[in-house]
Amino acid sequence: VADLRSPAMRDRHWEQLMTTTKVHFNVNDPAFKLDDLLKLELHKFEEEVGEIVDRAQKEEKMEQALVKLKDTWTRVEFQFHQFKDTQVFTVKMAEEDFEALEDNQVLVQGMMANRYMNTFRDEILGWNKKLMNVADVNQIMSEIQRTWAYLESLFIHSEEVKKELPEATVRFAGIDKEVKEVLKEFKDKKNCVECCNREGLMKHLEKQQHELEICEKALAD
């Protein structure tokens, strides 16, 4: 019964305790003391009480972890670097933020495997999706920027390439515009989670990557 003093016990846990033991009391009553609990003979339900307290303590840990997750990812922003001598800025995730991303994904996966996750189910699944999107978008953005920067020097600045590959040059001009639009969007928003969780973004980036591959192949041929 002493376990019931745990600060992790919330109203929902007391209600569960009353439902399980068929004993009713008002724990929020200022006059209600531990002695009153003892009189209710809850020691007869030692296993059930232990289970509820264990649940309360594990849920409290998840609750604290979710608060910390929200606090962390509200503050994490992309880093921006000016591309050549232009108004375009490429994006990159700081090394420590990428490490935090990997750690937090493991943390969320652990919460998803917790038998008591149901209380925070929507929030946990929400963070799993958000962080997965950050990881996926960060990966494809790195690849797109690397290919785009290489091809930009050829299709935009090489008259020889423009002359030899007119069709690919027109194709690249369209992609160049789209890549710069996404980079500007990221620069304006800055926040990693907000940038990477826009509806339809991943599909759009995959299309850009495919178009860049076609231009790259045209060069190789």
C-alpha atoms as a PDB file:
ATOM      1  CA  VAL A   1       0.000   0.000   0.000  1.00  0.00           C
ATOM      2  CA  ALA A   2       2.958   2.308   0.651  1.00  0.00           C
ATOM      3  CA  ASP A   3       3.620   2.111  -3.124  1.00  0.00           C
ATOM      4  CA  LEU A   4       0.429   4.107  -3.625  1.00  0.00           C
ATOM      5  CA  ARG A   5       2.262   7.158  -2.292  1.00  0.00           C
ATOM      6  CA  SER A   6       4.107   7.261  -5.641  1.00  0.00           C
ATOM      7  CA  PRO A   7       3.790  10.705  -7.277  1.00  0.00           C
ATOM      8  CA  ALA A   8       3.317   8.852 -10.577  1.00  0.00           C
ATOM      9  CA  MET A   9      -0.226   7.888  -9.516  1.00  0.00           C
ATOM     10  CA  ARG A  10      -2.758   9.902 -11.557  1.00  0.00           C
ATOM     11  CA  ASP A  11      -6.558  10.044 -11.311  1.00  0.00           C
ATOM     12  CA  ARG A  12      -6.846   7.383 -14.027  1.00  0.00           C
ATOM     13  CA  HIS A  13      -4.769   4.983 -11.916  1.00  0.00           C
ATOM     14  CA  TRP A  14      -6.886   5.568  -8.802  1.00  0.00           C
ATOM     15  CA  GLU A  15     -10.010   4.929 -10.874  1.00  0.00           C
ATOM     16  CA  GLN A  16      -8.472   1.711 -12.183  1.00  0.00           C
ATOM     17  CA  LEU A  17      -7.640   0.717  -8.604  1.00  0.00           C
ATOM     18  CA  MET A  18     -11.242   1.290  -7.488  1.00  0.00           C
ATOM     19  CA  THR A  19     -12.585  -0.666 -10.464  1.00  0.00           C
ATOM     20  CA  THR A  20     -10.209  -3.564  -9.777  1.00  0.00           C
ATOM     21  CA  THR A  21     -10.751  -3.759  -6.001  1.00  0.00           C
ATOM     22  CA  LYS A  22     -14.440  -2.706  -5.962  1.00  0.00           C
ATOM     23  CA  VAL A  23     -13.446  -0.341  -3.138  1.00  0.00           C
ATOM     24  CA  HIS A  24     -14.470   3.305  -3.560  1.00  0.00           C
ATOM     25  CA  PHE A  25     -12.835   6.380  -2.063  1.00  0.00           C
ATOM     26  CA  ASN A  26     -12.005   9.984  -2.958  1.00  0.00           C
ATOM     27  CA  VAL A  27      -8.242  10.360  -3.054  1.00  0.00           C
ATOM     28  CA  ASN A  28      -8.607  14.097  -3.807  1.00  0.00           C
ATOM     29  CA  ASP A  29     -10.415  14.687  -0.516  1.00  0.00           C
ATOM     30  CA  PRO A  30      -7.990  16.703   1.696  1.00  0.00           C
ATOM     31  CA  ALA A  31      -9.182  14.674   4.689  1.00  0.00           C
ATOM     32  CA  PHE A  32      -8.205  11.379   3.010  1.00  0.00           C
ATOM     33  CA  LYS A  33      -5.003   9.946   4.552  1.00  0.00           C
ATOM     34  CA  LEU A  34      -2.846   6.842   4.119  1.00  0.00           C
ATOM     35  CA  ASP A  35      -4.497   5.418   7.255  1.00  0.00           C
ATOM     36  CA  ASP A  36      -7.802   5.514   5.398  1.00  0.00           C
ATOM     37  CA  LEU A  37      -6.238   3.417   2.621  1.00  0.00           C
ATOM     38  CA  LEU A  38      -5.058   0.877   5.184  1.00  0.00           C
ATOM     39  CA  LYS A  39      -8.587   0.608   6.569  1.00  0.00           C
ATOM     40  CA  LEU A  40      -9.802  -0.254   3.063  1.00  0.00           C
ATOM     41  CA  GLU A  41      -7.700  -3.451   3.310  1.00  0.00           C
ATOM     42  CA  LEU A  42      -6.067  -2.928  -0.067  1.00  0.00           C
ATOM     43  CA  HIS A  43      -3.267  -5.252   1.090  1.00  0.00           C
ATOM     44  CA  LYS A  44      -5.616  -8.057   0.055  1.00  0.00           C
ATOM     45  CA  PHE A  45      -5.065  -6.905  -3.542  1.00  0.00           C
ATOM     46  CA  GLU A  46      -1.277  -6.737  -3.350  1.00  0.00           C
ATOM     47  CA  GLU A  47      -0.692  -8.076  -6.884  1.00  0.00           C
ATOM     48  CA  GLU A  48      -3.298  -5.805  -8.485  1.00  0.00           C
ATOM     49  CA  VAL A  49      -2.024  -2.753  -6.589  1.00  0.00           C
ATOM     50  CA  GLY A  50       1.566  -3.573  -7.617  1.00  0.00           C
ATOM     51  CA  GLU A  51       0.514  -3.843 -11.273  1.00  0.00           C
ATOM     52  CA  ILE A  52      -1.274  -0.467 -11.203  1.00  0.00           C
ATOM     53  CA  VAL A  53       1.642   1.295  -9.475  1.00  0.00           C
ATOM     54  CA  ASP A  54       4.078  -0.254 -11.975  1.00  0.00           C
ATOM     55  CA  ARG A  55       1.879   1.022 -14.803  1.00  0.00           C
ATOM     56  CA  ALA A  56       1.752   4.502 -13.258  1.00  0.00           C
ATOM     57  CA  GLN A  57       5.536   4.678 -12.900  1.00  0.00           C
ATOM     58  CA  LYS A  58       6.208   3.471 -16.451  1.00  0.00           C
ATOM     59  CA  GLU A  59       3.604   5.863 -17.864  1.00  0.00           C
ATOM     60  CA  GLU A  60       5.206   8.726 -15.951  1.00  0.00           C
ATOM     61  CA  LYS A  61       8.569   7.924 -17.575  1.00  0.00           C
ATOM     62  CA  MET A  62       6.925   7.934 -21.016  1.00  0.00           C
ATOM     63  CA  GLU A  63       5.147  11.193 -20.231  1.00  0.00           C
ATOM     64  CA  GLN A  64       8.436  12.840 -19.218  1.00  0.00           C
ATOM     65  CA  ALA A  65      10.181  11.475 -22.333  1.00  0.00           C
ATOM     66  CA  LEU A  66       7.429  12.860 -24.594  1.00  0.00           C
ATOM     67  CA  VAL A  67       7.678  16.303 -22.967  1.00  0.00           C
ATOM     68  CA  LYS A  68      11.447  16.246 -23.538  1.00  0.00           C
ATOM     69  CA  LEU A  69      10.983  15.119 -27.170  1.00  0.00           C
ATOM     70  CA  LYS A  70       8.637  18.015 -27.873  1.00  0.00           C
ATOM     71  CA  ASP A  71      10.991  20.485 -26.195  1.00  0.00           C
ATOM     72  CA  THR A  72      14.003  19.182 -28.151  1.00  0.00           C
ATOM     73  CA  TRP A  73      12.413  19.149 -31.602  1.00  0.00           C
ATOM     74  CA  THR A  74      10.738  22.514 -31.147  1.00  0.00           C
ATOM     75  CA  ARG A  75      14.267  23.943 -31.027  1.00  0.00           C
ATOM     76  CA  VAL A  76      16.161  21.830 -33.614  1.00  0.00           C
ATOM     77  CA  GLU A  77      16.735  23.757 -36.843  1.00  0.00           C
ATOM     78  CA  PHE A  78      18.629  23.022 -40.049  1.00  0.00           C
ATOM     79  CA  GLN A  79      21.968  24.692 -40.708  1.00  0.00           C
ATOM     80  CA  PHE A  80      22.244  26.780 -43.878  1.00  0.00           C
ATOM     81  CA  HIS A  81      25.271  27.453 -46.076  1.00  0.00           C
ATOM     82  CA  GLN A  82      25.405  29.932 -48.947  1.00  0.00           C
ATOM     83  CA  PHE A  83      25.798  28.200 -52.309  1.00  0.00           C
ATOM     84  CA  LYS A  84      28.664  29.818 -54.227  1.00  0.00           C
ATOM     85  CA  ASP A  85      28.046  33.554 -54.577  1.00  0.00           C
ATOM     86  CA  THR A  86      24.255  33.275 -54.862  1.00  0.00           C
ATOM     87  CA  GLN A  87      21.097  33.885 -52.857  1.00  0.00           C
ATOM     88  CA  VAL A  88      20.626  30.106 -52.569  1.00  0.00           C
ATOM     89  CA  PHE A  89      21.375  28.326 -49.275  1.00  0.00           C
ATOM     90  CA  THR A  90      21.923  24.584 -48.997  1.00  0.00           C
ATOM     91  CA  VAL A  91      20.618  22.779 -45.913  1.00  0.00           C
ATOM     92  CA  LYS A  92      22.315  20.392 -43.525  1.00  0.00           C
ATOM     93  CA  MET A  93      21.523  18.844 -40.167  1.00  0.00           C
ATOM     94  CA  ALA A  94      24.133  19.463 -37.453  1.00  0.00           C
ATOM     95  CA  GLU A  95      26.032  16.334 -36.392  1.00  0.00           C
ATOM     96  CA  GLU A  96      24.773  16.512 -32.798  1.00  0.00           C
ATOM     97  CA  ASP A  97      21.182  16.927 -34.029  1.00  0.00           C
ATOM     98  CA  PHE A  98      21.539  13.891 -36.298  1.00  0.00           C
ATOM     99  CA  GLU A  99      22.826  11.867 -33.327  1.00  0.00           C
ATOM    100  CA  ALA A 100      19.868  13.092 -31.243  1.00  0.00           C
ATOM    101  CA  LEU A 101      17.555  12.020 -34.082  1.00  0.00           C
ATOM    102  CA  GLU A 102      18.948   8.478 -34.057  1.00  0.00           C
ATOM    103  CA  ASP A 103      18.770   8.291 -30.238  1.00  0.00           C
ATOM    104  CA  ASN A 104      15.215   9.625 -30.177  1.00  0.00           C
ATOM    105  CA  GLN A 105      14.068   7.163 -32.843  1.00  0.00           C
ATOM    106  CA  VAL A 106      15.361   4.317 -30.654  1.00  0.00           C
ATOM    107  CA  LEU A 107      13.604   5.901 -27.648  1.00  0.00           C
ATOM    108  CA  VAL A 108      10.266   6.096 -29.492  1.00  0.00           C
ATOM    109  CA  GLN A 109      10.625   2.515 -30.771  1.00  0.00           C
ATOM    110  CA  GLY A 110      11.135   1.462 -27.150  1.00  0.00           C
ATOM    111  CA  MET A 111       7.946   3.264 -26.113  1.00  0.00           C
ATOM    112  CA  MET A 112       6.056   1.563 -28.946  1.00  0.00           C
ATOM    113  CA  ALA A 113       7.138  -1.800 -27.531  1.00  0.00           C
ATOM    114  CA  ASN A 114       6.036  -0.836 -23.997  1.00  0.00           C
ATOM    115  CA  ARG A 115       2.959  -2.746 -22.819  1.00  0.00           C
ATOM    116  CA  TYR A 116       1.567   0.487 -21.345  1.00  0.00           C
ATOM    117  CA  MET A 117       1.896   2.656 -24.481  1.00  0.00           C
ATOM    118  CA  ASN A 118      -1.885   2.920 -25.060  1.00  0.00           C
ATOM    119  CA  THR A 119      -2.313   5.965 -22.802  1.00  0.00           C
ATOM    120  CA  PHE A 120      -0.011   7.969 -25.105  1.00  0.00           C
ATOM    121  CA  ARG A 121      -0.539   5.892 -28.251  1.00  0.00           C
ATOM    122  CA  ASP A 122      -1.396   8.742 -30.656  1.00  0.00           C
ATOM    123  CA  GLU A 123       1.445  10.949 -29.435  1.00  0.00           C
ATOM    124  CA  ILE A 124       4.011   8.127 -29.596  1.00  0.00           C
ATOM    125  CA  LEU A 125       2.947   7.044 -33.099  1.00  0.00           C
ATOM    126  CA  GLY A 126       2.946  10.707 -34.120  1.00  0.00           C
ATOM    127  CA  TRP A 127       6.560  11.140 -33.016  1.00  0.00           C
ATOM    128  CA  ASN A 128       7.558   7.897 -34.707  1.00  0.00           C
ATOM    129  CA  LYS A 129       6.215   9.226 -38.020  1.00  0.00           C
ATOM    130  CA  LYS A 130       7.656  12.737 -37.566  1.00  0.00           C
ATOM    131  CA  LEU A 131      11.166  11.518 -36.747  1.00  0.00           C
ATOM    132  CA  MET A 132      11.081   8.934 -39.539  1.00  0.00           C
ATOM    133  CA  ASN A 133      10.178  11.725 -41.975  1.00  0.00           C
ATOM    134  CA  VAL A 134      13.046  13.882 -40.679  1.00  0.00           C
ATOM    135  CA  ALA A 135      15.484  10.987 -41.231  1.00  0.00           C
ATOM    136  CA  ASP A 136      14.141  10.152 -44.714  1.00  0.00           C
ATOM    137  CA  VAL A 137      13.939  13.759 -45.932  1.00  0.00           C
ATOM    138  CA  ASN A 138      17.375  14.613 -44.532  1.00  0.00           C
ATOM    139  CA  GLN A 139      18.843  11.623 -46.408  1.00  0.00           C
ATOM    140  CA  ILE A 140      17.237  12.371 -49.778  1.00  0.00           C
ATOM    141  CA  MET A 141      17.932  16.115 -49.477  1.00  0.00           C
ATOM    142  CA  SER A 142      21.647  15.365 -48.999  1.00  0.00           C
ATOM    143  CA  GLU A 143      21.648  13.218 -52.144  1.00  0.00           C
ATOM    144  CA  ILE A 144      19.638  15.747 -54.186  1.00  0.00           C
ATOM    145  CA  GLN A 145      21.857  18.668 -53.178  1.00  0.00           C
ATOM    146  CA  ARG A 146      25.042  16.761 -53.983  1.00  0.00           C
ATOM    147  CA  THR A 147      23.828  15.774 -57.486  1.00  0.00           C
ATOM    148  CA  TRP A 148      22.206  19.160 -58.158  1.00  0.00           C
ATOM    149  CA  ALA A 149      25.367  21.112 -57.191  1.00  0.00           C
ATOM    150  CA  TYR A 150      27.478  18.959 -59.534  1.00  0.00           C
ATOM    151  CA  LEU A 151      25.054  19.206 -62.475  1.00  0.00           C
ATOM    152  CA  GLU A 152      24.386  22.923 -61.919  1.00  0.00           C
ATOM    153  CA  SER A 153      27.980  23.783 -62.797  1.00  0.00           C
ATOM    154  CA  LEU A 154      27.555  21.960 -66.121  1.00  0.00           C
ATOM    155  CA  PHE A 155      23.984  22.555 -67.293  1.00  0.00           C
ATOM    156  CA  ILE A 156      23.843  26.187 -66.164  1.00  0.00           C
ATOM    157  CA  HIS A 157      27.432  27.367 -66.642  1.00  0.00           C
ATOM    158  CA  SER A 158      28.833  25.233 -69.483  1.00  0.00           C
ATOM    159  CA  GLU A 159      27.935  26.436 -72.970  1.00  0.00           C
ATOM    160  CA  GLU A 160      29.380  23.234 -74.417  1.00  0.00           C
ATOM    161  CA  VAL A 161      27.030  21.036 -72.354  1.00  0.00           C
ATOM    162  CA  LYS A 162      24.039  23.223 -73.249  1.00  0.00           C
ATOM    163  CA  LYS A 163      24.888  22.873 -76.937  1.00  0.00           C
ATOM    164  CA  GLU A 164      25.513  19.111 -76.793  1.00  0.00           C
ATOM    165  CA  LEU A 165      22.539  18.234 -74.566  1.00  0.00           C
ATOM    166  CA  PRO A 166      19.718  20.734 -75.257  1.00  0.00           C
ATOM    167  CA  GLU A 167      16.919  18.425 -74.066  1.00  0.00           C
ATOM    168  CA  ALA A 168      18.646  17.547 -70.794  1.00  0.00           C
ATOM    169  CA  THR A 169      19.492  21.241 -70.312  1.00  0.00           C
ATOM    170  CA  VAL A 170      15.798  22.179 -70.507  1.00  0.00           C
ATOM    171  CA  ARG A 171      14.956  19.327 -68.116  1.00  0.00           C
ATOM    172  CA  PHE A 172      17.612  20.468 -65.649  1.00  0.00           C
ATOM    173  CA  ALA A 173      16.387  24.081 -65.774  1.00  0.00           C
ATOM    174  CA  GLY A 174      13.011  22.862 -64.482  1.00  0.00           C
ATOM    175  CA  ILE A 175      14.586  20.784 -61.696  1.00  0.00           C
ATOM    176  CA  ASP A 176      16.935  23.632 -60.792  1.00  0.00           C
ATOM    177  CA  LYS A 177      13.909  25.860 -60.161  1.00  0.00           C
ATOM    178  CA  GLU A 178      12.178  23.185 -58.040  1.00  0.00           C
ATOM    179  CA  VAL A 179      15.277  22.430 -55.943  1.00  0.00           C
ATOM    180  CA  LYS A 180      15.758  26.132 -55.199  1.00  0.00           C
ATOM    181  CA  GLU A 181      12.091  26.450 -54.189  1.00  0.00           C
ATOM    182  CA  VAL A 182      12.438  23.613 -51.663  1.00  0.00           C
ATOM    183  CA  LEU A 183      15.693  25.081 -50.317  1.00  0.00           C
ATOM    184  CA  LYS A 184      13.978  28.455 -49.875  1.00  0.00           C
ATOM    185  CA  GLU A 185      11.040  26.780 -48.117  1.00  0.00           C
ATOM    186  CA  PHE A 186      13.457  25.113 -45.677  1.00  0.00           C
ATOM    187  CA  LYS A 187      15.337  28.388 -45.124  1.00  0.00           C
ATOM    188  CA  ASP A 188      12.063  30.162 -44.317  1.00  0.00           C
ATOM    189  CA  LYS A 189      10.764  27.476 -41.929  1.00  0.00           C
ATOM    190  CA  LYS A 190      14.121  26.405 -40.422  1.00  0.00           C
ATOM    191  CA  ASN A 191      12.624  23.908 -37.929  1.00  0.00           C
ATOM    192  CA  CYS A 192      13.572  20.329 -38.913  1.00  0.00           C
ATOM    193  CA  VAL A 193      10.298  18.645 -37.946  1.00  0.00           C
ATOM    194  CA  GLU A 194       8.192  21.330 -39.617  1.00  0.00           C
ATOM    195  CA  CYS A 195      10.285  21.273 -42.815  1.00  0.00           C
ATOM    196  CA  CYS A 196      10.296  17.494 -43.186  1.00  0.00           C
ATOM    197  CA  ASN A 197       6.644  16.781 -42.406  1.00  0.00           C
ATOM    198  CA  ARG A 198       4.911  18.793 -45.108  1.00  0.00           C
ATOM    199  CA  GLU A 199       2.259  16.703 -46.862  1.00  0.00           C
ATOM    200  CA  GLY A 200       3.522  15.385 -50.207  1.00  0.00           C
ATOM    201  CA  LEU A 201       7.115  16.587 -49.720  1.00  0.00           C
ATOM    202  CA  MET A 202       8.762  13.155 -49.911  1.00  0.00           C
ATOM    203  CA  LYS A 203       6.961  12.285 -53.156  1.00  0.00           C
ATOM    204  CA  HIS A 204       8.045  15.627 -54.615  1.00  0.00           C
ATOM    205  CA  LEU A 205      11.687  15.024 -53.608  1.00  0.00           C
ATOM    206  CA  GLU A 206      11.685  11.508 -55.062  1.00  0.00           C
ATOM    207  CA  LYS A 207      10.496  12.990 -58.380  1.00  0.00           C
ATOM    208  CA  GLN A 208      13.325  15.560 -58.271  1.00  0.00           C
ATOM    209  CA  GLN A 209      15.859  12.832 -57.563  1.00  0.00           C
ATOM    210  CA  HIS A 210      14.572  10.781 -60.507  1.00  0.00           C
ATOM    211  CA  GLU A 211      14.775  13.786 -62.858  1.00  0.00           C
ATOM    212  CA  LEU A 212      18.334  14.525 -61.704  1.00  0.00           C
ATOM    213  CA  GLU A 213      19.305  10.908 -62.410  1.00  0.00           C
ATOM    214  CA  ILE A 214      17.993  11.275 -65.988  1.00  0.00           C
ATOM    215  CA  CYS A 215      20.135  14.402 -66.474  1.00  0.00           C
ATOM    216  CA  GLU A 216      23.158  12.646 -64.982  1.00  0.00           C
ATOM    217  CA  LYS A 217      22.653   9.681 -67.318  1.00  0.00           C
ATOM    218  CA  ALA A 218      22.437  12.039 -70.317  1.00  0.00           C
ATOM    219  CA  LEU A 219      25.863  13.404 -69.359  1.00  0.00           C
ATOM    220  CA  ALA A 220      27.340   9.928 -68.972  1.00  0.00           C
ATOM    221  CA  ASP A 221      25.992   8.846 -72.377  1.00  0.00           C
END
